[in-house]
Amino acid sequence: MTLDSRLLLLCPDDNCLIAATTLEAGAVVDIEGERVALATTISLGHKLARRALSAGEKVLRYGAPIGHVTCNVVKGGHLHTHNLESDYLPTYTLDEGHAFVGHDD
């Protein structure tokens, strides 16, 4: 497997890669032997699709599901809040009365 040095694969099971630097729109990256031109700028630390993903498909990072895509995403496509919905459980915070309150958002 060949992978562009500007991309990180955290786990062999992952279907996303992490940008090790900001990658400008139009940049060409090597994803497993295929040269892919990026349609949008991908900021440092953001995710991009390791392969094409279908709407509803789980996104794996560190080998664990972190969410699902809300639309089809092409190989090298930016994965972020515009097309990735979290599958994490609701978070809990301390409210004014100092009691833990669950949030569904």
Protein backbone atom coordinates (compact mmCIF):
# COMPACT_ATOMS: atom_id res chain seq x y z
CA MET A 1 0.00 0.00 0.00
CA THR A 2 1.30 3.43 -0.89
CA LEU A 3 0.07 6.49 0.93
CA ASP A 4 0.96 10.13 0.50
CA SER A 5 3.27 11.32 3.30
CA ARG A 6 0.82 14.19 3.99
CA LEU A 7 -1.83 11.66 5.06
CA LEU A 8 -2.04 9.49 8.16
CA LEU A 9 -3.73 6.11 8.46
CA LEU A 10 -4.36 5.53 12.17
CA CYS A 11 -5.55 1.91 11.90
CA PRO A 12 -5.56 -0.56 8.97
CA ASP A 13 -9.36 -0.96 9.36
CA ASP A 14 -10.05 2.79 8.98
CA ASN A 15 -11.92 4.10 5.97
CA CYS A 16 -10.76 7.65 6.64
CA LEU A 17 -7.35 9.29 6.57
CA ILE A 18 -6.10 12.29 8.55
CA ALA A 19 -4.47 15.33 6.93
CA ALA A 20 -0.99 15.81 8.44
CA THR A 21 -0.90 19.30 6.95
CA THR A 22 -3.41 21.64 5.32
CA LEU A 23 -4.10 20.37 1.80
CA GLU A 24 -5.34 23.01 -0.64
CA ALA A 25 -8.17 22.39 -3.09
CA GLY A 26 -6.71 20.97 -6.30
CA ALA A 27 -3.78 19.29 -4.53
CA VAL A 28 -3.11 15.76 -5.79
CA VAL A 29 -2.54 13.09 -3.15
CA ASP A 30 -1.65 9.40 -3.47
CA ILE A 31 -4.21 7.18 -1.78
CA GLU A 32 -3.13 3.55 -2.03
CA GLY A 33 -1.63 3.91 -5.49
CA GLU A 34 -4.36 6.16 -6.92
CA ARG A 35 -3.68 9.84 -7.54
CA VAL A 36 -6.67 11.84 -6.29
CA ALA A 37 -7.23 15.58 -6.85
CA LEU A 38 -8.89 17.17 -3.82
CA ALA A 39 -12.07 19.11 -4.56
CA THR A 40 -11.86 21.23 -1.40
CA THR A 41 -9.23 22.43 1.05
CA ILE A 42 -8.74 19.97 3.91
CA SER A 43 -7.34 21.52 7.08
CA LEU A 44 -4.65 19.99 9.29
CA GLY A 45 -6.17 17.20 11.39
CA HIS A 46 -9.33 16.88 9.31
CA LYS A 47 -10.50 13.59 7.82
CA LEU A 48 -10.83 12.54 4.20
CA ALA A 49 -12.33 9.41 2.72
CA ARG A 50 -9.86 6.58 2.11
CA ARG A 51 -12.31 5.15 -0.43
CA ALA A 52 -15.74 6.11 -1.76
CA LEU A 53 -18.38 5.96 0.99
CA SER A 54 -22.13 5.50 0.54
CA ALA A 55 -24.74 7.50 2.46
CA GLY A 56 -25.37 5.87 5.84
CA GLU A 57 -22.02 4.06 5.89
CA LYS A 58 -20.09 4.10 9.18
CA VAL A 59 -16.83 6.04 9.30
CA LEU A 60 -14.05 4.19 11.14
CA ARG A 61 -11.21 6.00 12.90
CA TYR A 62 -8.77 4.10 15.15
CA GLY A 63 -10.75 1.06 13.96
CA ALA A 64 -13.91 2.23 15.74
CA PRO A 65 -17.06 3.83 14.30
CA ILE A 66 -17.19 7.58 14.96
CA GLY A 67 -20.29 8.37 12.94
CA HIS A 68 -21.91 7.87 9.56
CA VAL A 69 -21.89 9.82 6.33
CA THR A 70 -25.12 11.61 5.45
CA CYS A 71 -24.47 11.53 1.69
CA ASN A 72 -22.21 9.75 -0.77
CA VAL A 73 -18.55 10.81 -0.43
CA VAL A 74 -15.93 10.30 -3.12
CA LYS A 75 -12.47 8.93 -2.44
CA GLY A 76 -10.43 11.83 -1.05
CA GLY A 77 -13.58 13.75 -0.09
CA HIS A 78 -13.53 15.91 3.03
CA LEU A 79 -15.30 14.28 5.99
CA HIS A 80 -16.64 16.87 8.41
CA THR A 81 -19.87 18.22 9.91
CA HIS A 82 -21.37 18.93 6.46
CA ASN A 83 -21.50 15.20 5.61
CA LEU A 84 -20.65 13.29 8.80
CA GLU A 85 -23.03 12.78 11.70
CA SER A 86 -21.67 11.65 15.05
CA ASP A 87 -22.78 8.32 16.51
CA TYR A 88 -21.45 9.15 19.97
CA LEU A 89 -23.74 8.84 22.96
CA PRO A 90 -25.15 12.09 24.39
CA THR A 91 -22.68 14.08 26.45
CA TYR A 92 -23.23 15.22 30.00
CA THR A 93 -22.39 18.63 31.45
CA LEU A 94 -22.63 20.41 34.78
CA ASP A 95 -25.58 22.86 34.79
CA GLU A 96 -26.08 25.89 37.06
CA GLY A 97 -27.51 23.67 39.83
CA HIS A 98 -24.40 21.47 39.65
CA ALA A 99 -26.36 18.41 38.62
CA PHE A 100 -25.42 16.41 35.55
CA VAL A 101 -27.80 16.95 32.66
CA GLY A 102 -27.86 14.86 29.48
CA HIS A 103 -27.98 16.58 26.12
CA ASP A 104 -29.43 15.01 22.98
CA ASP A 105 -27.77 17.39 20.49
